Amino acid sequence: MPTPRAVRPFGEVAQEWRELANRRREHFAELQRSGRWRLYYTEEQFMAQMREVVQAAEAWARIATPSPVAAAPAD
């Protein structure tokens, strides 16, 4: 029986957070498209949240994207 790994590689964890941030960005985009944001936020609050959501998604995209050196196969 294989033993469970106690620690997952940072890249896997970062990729999961990147996917979560992208889902959150899509959710906010849908709120904007549908106009449902008006039920939950003032315009100022929503725009501030949207900026934060986009910045977080962009940050996780930078973190979770492997560098070309790290992605290159070892000889």
PDB file of N, CA and C in Angstrom:
ATOM      1  N   MET A   1       0.838  -1.166   0.000  1.00  0.00           N
ATOM      2  CA  MET A   1       0.000   0.000   0.000  1.00  0.00           C
ATOM      3  C   MET A   1       0.890   1.239   0.000  1.00  0.00           C
ATOM      4  N   PRO A   2       0.661   2.156  -0.956  1.00  0.00           N
ATOM      5  CA  PRO A   2       1.515   3.352  -0.993  1.00  0.00           C
ATOM      6  C   PRO A   2       1.258   4.259   0.210  1.00  0.00           C
ATOM      7  N   THR A   3       2.316   4.874   0.670  1.00  0.00           N
ATOM      8  CA  THR A   3       2.165   5.791   1.799  1.00  0.00           C
ATOM      9  C   THR A   3       1.764   7.164   1.268  1.00  0.00           C
ATOM     10  N   PRO A   4       0.850   7.853   1.951  1.00  0.00           N
ATOM     11  CA  PRO A   4       0.449   9.186   1.487  1.00  0.00           C
ATOM     12  C   PRO A   4       1.586  10.181   1.660  1.00  0.00           C
ATOM     13  N   ARG A   5       1.664  11.092   0.712  1.00  0.00           N
ATOM     14  CA  ARG A   5       2.701  12.121   0.820  1.00  0.00           C
ATOM     15  C   ARG A   5       2.276  13.141   1.860  1.00  0.00           C
ATOM     16  N   ALA A   6       3.202  13.472   2.733  1.00  0.00           N
ATOM     17  CA  ALA A   6       2.905  14.433   3.794  1.00  0.00           C
ATOM     18  C   ALA A   6       2.925  15.861   3.253  1.00  0.00           C
ATOM     19  N   VAL A   7       3.733  16.100   2.244  1.00  0.00           N
ATOM     20  CA  VAL A   7       3.882  17.446   1.699  1.00  0.00           C
ATOM     21  C   VAL A   7       3.689  17.388   0.187  1.00  0.00           C
ATOM     22  N   ARG A   8       2.817  18.269  -0.314  1.00  0.00           N
ATOM     23  CA  ARG A   8       2.608  18.338  -1.760  1.00  0.00           C
ATOM     24  C   ARG A   8       3.549  19.386  -2.335  1.00  0.00           C
ATOM     25  N   PRO A   9       4.011  19.177  -3.561  1.00  0.00           N
ATOM     26  CA  PRO A   9       4.890  20.172  -4.183  1.00  0.00           C
ATOM     27  C   PRO A   9       4.196  21.527  -4.300  1.00  0.00           C
ATOM     28  N   PHE A  10       4.974  22.585  -4.124  1.00  0.00           N
ATOM     29  CA  PHE A  10       4.430  23.942  -4.170  1.00  0.00           C
ATOM     30  C   PHE A  10       3.709  24.198  -5.485  1.00  0.00           C
ATOM     31  N   GLY A  11       4.222  23.700  -6.587  1.00  0.00           N
ATOM     32  CA  GLY A  11       3.605  23.934  -7.893  1.00  0.00           C
ATOM     33  C   GLY A  11       2.184  23.419  -7.966  1.00  0.00           C
ATOM     34  N   GLU A  12       1.931  22.265  -7.371  1.00  0.00           N
ATOM     35  CA  GLU A  12       0.572  21.710  -7.371  1.00  0.00           C
ATOM     36  C   GLU A  12      -0.376  22.586  -6.562  1.00  0.00           C
ATOM     37  N   VAL A  13       0.080  23.019  -5.412  1.00  0.00           N
ATOM     38  CA  VAL A  13      -0.751  23.862  -4.548  1.00  0.00           C
ATOM     39  C   VAL A  13      -1.009  25.205  -5.232  1.00  0.00           C
ATOM     40  N   ALA A  14       0.034  25.785  -5.807  1.00  0.00           N
ATOM     41  CA  ALA A  14      -0.117  27.069  -6.487  1.00  0.00           C
ATOM     42  C   ALA A  14      -1.086  26.958  -7.659  1.00  0.00           C
ATOM     43  N   GLN A  15      -1.039  25.848  -8.380  1.00  0.00           N
ATOM     44  CA  GLN A  15      -1.952  25.652  -9.507  1.00  0.00           C
ATOM     45  C   GLN A  15      -3.403  25.567  -9.017  1.00  0.00           C
ATOM     46  N   GLU A  16      -3.627  24.916  -7.900  1.00  0.00           N
ATOM     47  CA  GLU A  16      -4.985  24.845  -7.350  1.00  0.00           C
ATOM     48  C   GLU A  16      -5.500  26.226  -6.956  1.00  0.00           C
ATOM     49  N   TRP A  17      -4.628  27.035  -6.339  1.00  0.00           N
ATOM     50  CA  TRP A  17      -5.030  28.392  -5.980  1.00  0.00           C
ATOM     51  C   TRP A  17      -5.270  29.225  -7.233  1.00  0.00           C
ATOM     52  N   ARG A  18      -4.476  29.002  -8.263  1.00  0.00           N
ATOM     53  CA  ARG A  18      -4.682  29.720  -9.525  1.00  0.00           C
ATOM     54  C   ARG A  18      -6.064  29.383 -10.106  1.00  0.00           C
ATOM     55  N   GLU A  19      -6.408  28.122 -10.099  1.00  0.00           N
ATOM     56  CA  GLU A  19      -7.718  27.705 -10.612  1.00  0.00           C
ATOM     57  C   GLU A  19      -8.851  28.300  -9.780  1.00  0.00           C
ATOM     58  N   LEU A  20      -8.676  28.341  -8.468  1.00  0.00           N
ATOM     59  CA  LEU A  20      -9.685  28.934  -7.598  1.00  0.00           C
ATOM     60  C   LEU A  20      -9.850  30.431  -7.900  1.00  0.00           C
ATOM     61  N   ALA A  21      -8.740  31.125  -8.060  1.00  0.00           N
ATOM     62  CA  ALA A  21      -8.796  32.560  -8.372  1.00  0.00           C
ATOM     63  C   ALA A  21      -9.470  32.797  -9.721  1.00  0.00           C
ATOM     64  N   ASN A  22      -9.220  31.922 -10.691  1.00  0.00           N
ATOM     65  CA  ASN A  22      -9.862  32.060 -11.999  1.00  0.00           C
ATOM     66  C   ASN A  22     -11.367  31.806 -11.911  1.00  0.00           C
ATOM     67  N   ARG A  23     -11.769  30.827 -11.105  1.00  0.00           N
ATOM     68  CA  ARG A  23     -13.206  30.582 -10.917  1.00  0.00           C
ATOM     69  C   ARG A  23     -13.875  31.783 -10.252  1.00  0.00           C
ATOM     70  N   ARG A  24     -13.187  32.374  -9.295  1.00  0.00           N
ATOM     71  CA  ARG A  24     -13.737  33.556  -8.620  1.00  0.00           C
ATOM     72  C   ARG A  24     -13.860  34.720  -9.606  1.00  0.00           C
ATOM     73  N   ARG A  25     -12.852  34.884 -10.474  1.00  0.00           N
ATOM     74  CA  ARG A  25     -12.916  35.945 -11.486  1.00  0.00           C
ATOM     75  C   ARG A  25     -14.090  35.712 -12.427  1.00  0.00           C
ATOM     76  N   GLU A  26     -14.296  34.463 -12.836  1.00  0.00           N
ATOM     77  CA  GLU A  26     -15.433  34.138 -13.707  1.00  0.00           C
ATOM     78  C   GLU A  26     -16.762  34.419 -13.012  1.00  0.00           C
ATOM     79  N   HIS A  27     -16.824  34.118 -11.721  1.00  0.00           N
ATOM     80  CA  HIS A  27     -18.041  34.384 -10.959  1.00  0.00           C
ATOM     81  C   HIS A  27     -18.356  35.885 -10.954  1.00  0.00           C
ATOM     82  N   PHE A  28     -17.339  36.708 -10.712  1.00  0.00           N
ATOM     83  CA  PHE A  28     -17.554  38.149 -10.698  1.00  0.00           C
ATOM     84  C   PHE A  28     -17.895  38.677 -12.089  1.00  0.00           C
ATOM     85  N   ALA A  29     -17.312  38.093 -13.110  1.00  0.00           N
ATOM     86  CA  ALA A  29     -17.660  38.493 -14.483  1.00  0.00           C
ATOM     87  C   ALA A  29     -19.124  38.174 -14.762  1.00  0.00           C
ATOM     88  N   GLU A  30     -19.596  37.033 -14.281  1.00  0.00           N
ATOM     89  CA  GLU A  30     -20.997  36.669 -14.461  1.00  0.00           C
ATOM     90  C   GLU A  30     -21.909  37.602 -13.672  1.00  0.00           C
ATOM     91  N   LEU A  31     -21.510  37.972 -12.467  1.00  0.00           N
ATOM     92  CA  LEU A  31     -22.285  38.949 -11.697  1.00  0.00           C
ATOM     93  C   LEU A  31     -22.411  40.253 -12.474  1.00  0.00           C
ATOM     94  N   GLN A  32     -21.312  40.663 -13.109  1.00  0.00           N
ATOM     95  CA  GLN A  32     -21.330  41.909 -13.879  1.00  0.00           C
ATOM     96  C   GLN A  32     -22.229  41.780 -15.104  1.00  0.00           C
ATOM     97  N   ARG A  33     -22.090  40.674 -15.846  1.00  0.00           N
ATOM     98  CA  ARG A  33     -22.904  40.474 -17.053  1.00  0.00           C
ATOM     99  C   ARG A  33     -24.394  40.442 -16.739  1.00  0.00           C
ATOM    100  N   SER A  34     -24.739  39.766 -15.662  1.00  0.00           N
ATOM    101  CA  SER A  34     -26.153  39.590 -15.336  1.00  0.00           C
ATOM    102  C   SER A  34     -26.756  40.785 -14.602  1.00  0.00           C
ATOM    103  N   GLY A  35     -25.899  41.602 -13.999  1.00  0.00           N
ATOM    104  CA  GLY A  35     -26.398  42.723 -13.207  1.00  0.00           C
ATOM    105  C   GLY A  35     -26.768  42.333 -11.785  1.00  0.00           C
ATOM    106  N   ARG A  36     -26.561  41.063 -11.425  1.00  0.00           N
ATOM    107  CA  ARG A  36     -26.892  40.595 -10.075  1.00  0.00           C
ATOM    108  C   ARG A  36     -26.048  41.253  -8.991  1.00  0.00           C
ATOM    109  N   TRP A  37     -24.912  41.822  -9.383  1.00  0.00           N
ATOM    110  CA  TRP A  37     -24.052  42.466  -8.396  1.00  0.00           C
ATOM    111  C   TRP A  37     -24.809  43.541  -7.631  1.00  0.00           C
ATOM    112  N   ARG A  38     -25.825  44.133  -8.260  1.00  0.00           N
ATOM    113  CA  ARG A  38     -26.591  45.208  -7.606  1.00  0.00           C
ATOM    114  C   ARG A  38     -27.340  44.712  -6.370  1.00  0.00           C
ATOM    115  N   LEU A  39     -27.580  43.417  -6.290  1.00  0.00           N
ATOM    116  CA  LEU A  39     -28.242  42.857  -5.115  1.00  0.00           C
ATOM    117  C   LEU A  39     -27.323  42.794  -3.902  1.00  0.00           C
ATOM    118  N   TYR A  40     -26.019  42.797  -4.147  1.00  0.00           N
ATOM    119  CA  TYR A  40     -25.050  42.559  -3.074  1.00  0.00           C
ATOM    120  C   TYR A  40     -24.120  43.727  -2.777  1.00  0.00           C
ATOM    121  N   TYR A  41     -23.890  44.588  -3.768  1.00  0.00           N
ATOM    122  CA  TYR A  41     -22.877  45.635  -3.650  1.00  0.00           C
ATOM    123  C   TYR A  41     -23.403  46.975  -4.149  1.00  0.00           C
ATOM    124  N   THR A  42     -22.795  48.047  -3.648  1.00  0.00           N
ATOM    125  CA  THR A  42     -22.948  49.332  -4.318  1.00  0.00           C
ATOM    126  C   THR A  42     -21.985  49.290  -5.506  1.00  0.00           C
ATOM    127  N   GLU A  43     -22.103  50.232  -6.425  1.00  0.00           N
ATOM    128  CA  GLU A  43     -21.204  50.230  -7.584  1.00  0.00           C
ATOM    129  C   GLU A  43     -19.749  50.380  -7.151  1.00  0.00           C
ATOM    130  N   GLU A  44     -19.510  51.248  -6.198  1.00  0.00           N
ATOM    131  CA  GLU A  44     -18.142  51.468  -5.711  1.00  0.00           C
ATOM    132  C   GLU A  44     -17.575  50.194  -5.067  1.00  0.00           C
ATOM    133  N   GLN A  45     -18.381  49.530  -4.251  1.00  0.00           N
ATOM    134  CA  GLN A  45     -17.935  48.284  -3.605  1.00  0.00           C
ATOM    135  C   GLN A  45     -17.646  47.207  -4.640  1.00  0.00           C
ATOM    136  N   PHE A  46     -18.529  47.085  -5.612  1.00  0.00           N
ATOM    137  CA  PHE A  46     -18.341  46.049  -6.620  1.00  0.00           C
ATOM    138  C   PHE A  46     -17.082  46.287  -7.438  1.00  0.00           C
ATOM    139  N   MET A  47     -16.853  47.528  -7.842  1.00  0.00           N
ATOM    140  CA  MET A  47     -15.662  47.826  -8.637  1.00  0.00           C
ATOM    141  C   MET A  47     -14.386  47.553  -7.829  1.00  0.00           C
ATOM    142  N   ALA A  48     -14.404  47.877  -6.541  1.00  0.00           N
ATOM    143  CA  ALA A  48     -13.244  47.598  -5.696  1.00  0.00           C
ATOM    144  C   ALA A  48     -13.024  46.090  -5.577  1.00  0.00           C
ATOM    145  N   GLN A  49     -14.104  45.336  -5.386  1.00  0.00           N
ATOM    146  CA  GLN A  49     -13.993  43.875  -5.312  1.00  0.00           C
ATOM    147  C   GLN A  49     -13.491  43.308  -6.630  1.00  0.00           C
ATOM    148  N   MET A  50     -14.008  43.822  -7.744  1.00  0.00           N
ATOM    149  CA  MET A  50     -13.601  43.325  -9.057  1.00  0.00           C
ATOM    150  C   MET A  50     -12.109  43.559  -9.283  1.00  0.00           C
ATOM    151  N   ARG A  51     -11.622  44.738  -8.907  1.00  0.00           N
ATOM    152  CA  ARG A  51     -10.182  45.006  -9.042  1.00  0.00           C
ATOM    153  C   ARG A  51      -9.370  44.009  -8.219  1.00  0.00           C
ATOM    154  N   GLU A  52      -9.808  43.759  -6.996  1.00  0.00           N
ATOM    155  CA  GLU A  52      -9.108  42.825  -6.114  1.00  0.00           C
ATOM    156  C   GLU A  52      -9.109  41.408  -6.700  1.00  0.00           C
ATOM    157  N   VAL A  53     -10.234  40.988  -7.234  1.00  0.00           N
ATOM    158  CA  VAL A  53     -10.372  39.650  -7.814  1.00  0.00           C
ATOM    159  C   VAL A  53      -9.440  39.495  -9.025  1.00  0.00           C
ATOM    160  N   VAL A  54      -9.415  40.496  -9.881  1.00  0.00           N
ATOM    161  CA  VAL A  54      -8.554  40.442 -11.074  1.00  0.00           C
ATOM    162  C   VAL A  54      -7.087  40.441 -10.667  1.00  0.00           C
ATOM    163  N   GLN A  55      -6.716  41.271  -9.711  1.00  0.00           N
ATOM    164  CA  GLN A  55      -5.325  41.308  -9.253  1.00  0.00           C
ATOM    165  C   GLN A  55      -4.901  39.973  -8.650  1.00  0.00           C
ATOM    166  N   ALA A  56      -5.779  39.356  -7.888  1.00  0.00           N
ATOM    167  CA  ALA A  56      -5.457  38.059  -7.282  1.00  0.00           C
ATOM    168  C   ALA A  56      -5.284  36.999  -8.364  1.00  0.00           C
ATOM    169  N   ALA A  57      -6.156  36.988  -9.356  1.00  0.00           N
ATOM    170  CA  ALA A  57      -6.043  36.006 -10.439  1.00  0.00           C
ATOM    171  C   ALA A  57      -4.746  36.209 -11.212  1.00  0.00           C
ATOM    172  N   GLU A  58      -4.389  37.451 -11.474  1.00  0.00           N
ATOM    173  CA  GLU A  58      -3.136  37.731 -12.189  1.00  0.00           C
ATOM    174  C   GLU A  58      -1.925  37.335 -11.354  1.00  0.00           C
ATOM    175  N   ALA A  59      -1.989  37.584 -10.054  1.00  0.00           N
ATOM    176  CA  ALA A  59      -0.871  37.215  -9.179  1.00  0.00           C
ATOM    177  C   ALA A  59      -0.687  35.699  -9.151  1.00  0.00           C
ATOM    178  N   TRP A  60      -1.771  34.938  -9.021  1.00  0.00           N
ATOM    179  CA  TRP A  60      -1.656  33.474  -9.001  1.00  0.00           C
ATOM    180  C   TRP A  60      -1.220  32.941 -10.354  1.00  0.00           C
ATOM    181  N   ALA A  61      -1.584  33.621 -11.426  1.00  0.00           N
ATOM    182  CA  ALA A  61      -1.118  33.198 -12.749  1.00  0.00           C
ATOM    183  C   ALA A  61       0.404  33.337 -12.839  1.00  0.00           C
ATOM    184  N   ARG A  62       0.945  34.415 -12.270  1.00  0.00           N
ATOM    185  CA  ARG A  62       2.407  34.592 -12.272  1.00  0.00           C
ATOM    186  C   ARG A  62       3.084  33.558 -11.379  1.00  0.00           C
ATOM    187  N   ILE A  63       2.501  33.309 -10.220  1.00  0.00           N
ATOM    188  CA  ILE A  63       3.099  32.378  -9.260  1.00  0.00           C
ATOM    189  C   ILE A  63       3.056  30.946  -9.776  1.00  0.00           C
ATOM    190  N   ALA A  64       1.926  30.550 -10.353  1.00  0.00           N
ATOM    191  CA  ALA A  64       1.720  29.149 -10.731  1.00  0.00           C
ATOM    192  C   ALA A  64       2.279  28.793 -12.099  1.00  0.00           C
ATOM    193  N   THR A  65       2.720  29.786 -12.859  1.00  0.00           N
ATOM    194  CA  THR A  65       3.289  29.488 -14.164  1.00  0.00           C
ATOM    195  C   THR A  65       4.746  29.081 -13.979  1.00  0.00           C
ATOM    196  N   PRO A  66       5.092  27.885 -14.403  1.00  0.00           N
ATOM    197  CA  PRO A  66       6.480  27.449 -14.218  1.00  0.00           C
ATOM    198  C   PRO A  66       7.432  28.260 -15.096  1.00  0.00           C
ATOM    199  N   SER A  67       8.592  28.518 -14.573  1.00  0.00           N
ATOM    200  CA  SER A  67       9.606  29.223 -15.368  1.00  0.00           C
ATOM    201  C   SER A  67      10.134  28.273 -16.433  1.00  0.00           C
ATOM    202  N   PRO A  68      10.609  28.806 -17.563  1.00  0.00           N
ATOM    203  CA  PRO A  68      11.131  27.923 -18.625  1.00  0.00           C
ATOM    204  C   PRO A  68      12.274  27.024 -18.146  1.00  0.00           C
ATOM    205  N   VAL A  69      13.094  27.514 -17.222  1.00  0.00           N
ATOM    206  CA  VAL A  69      14.207  26.713 -16.705  1.00  0.00           C
ATOM    207  C   VAL A  69      13.668  25.550 -15.878  1.00  0.00           C
ATOM    208  N   ALA A  70      12.676  25.821 -15.040  1.00  0.00           N
ATOM    209  CA  ALA A  70      12.118  24.776 -14.185  1.00  0.00           C
ATOM    210  C   ALA A  70      11.336  23.752 -14.999  1.00  0.00           C
ATOM    211  N   ALA A  71      10.739  24.186 -16.109  1.00  0.00           N
ATOM    212  CA  ALA A  71       9.913  23.291 -16.922  1.00  0.00           C
ATOM    213  C   ALA A  71      10.746  22.448 -17.887  1.00  0.00           C
ATOM    214  N   ALA A  72      11.994  22.829 -18.100  1.00  0.00           N
ATOM    215  CA  ALA A  72      12.841  22.091 -19.047  1.00  0.00           C
ATOM    216  C   ALA A  72      13.181  20.719 -18.472  1.00  0.00           C
ATOM    217  N   PRO A  73      13.091  19.674 -19.306  1.00  0.00           N
ATOM    218  CA  PRO A  73      13.432  18.328 -18.819  1.00  0.00           C
ATOM    219  C   PRO A  73      14.923  18.216 -18.509  1.00  0.00           C
ATOM    220  N   ALA A  74      15.209  17.478 -17.474  1.00  0.00           N
ATOM    221  CA  ALA A  74      16.612  17.246 -17.094  1.00  0.00           C
ATOM    222  C   ALA A  74      17.249  16.236 -18.040  1.00  0.00           C
ATOM    223  N   ASP A  75      18.498  16.451 -18.332  1.00  0.00           N
ATOM    224  CA  ASP A  75      19.230  15.529 -19.215  1.00  0.00           C
ATOM    225  C   ASP A  75      19.795  14.358 -18.454  1.00  0.00           C
TER     226      ASP A  75
END
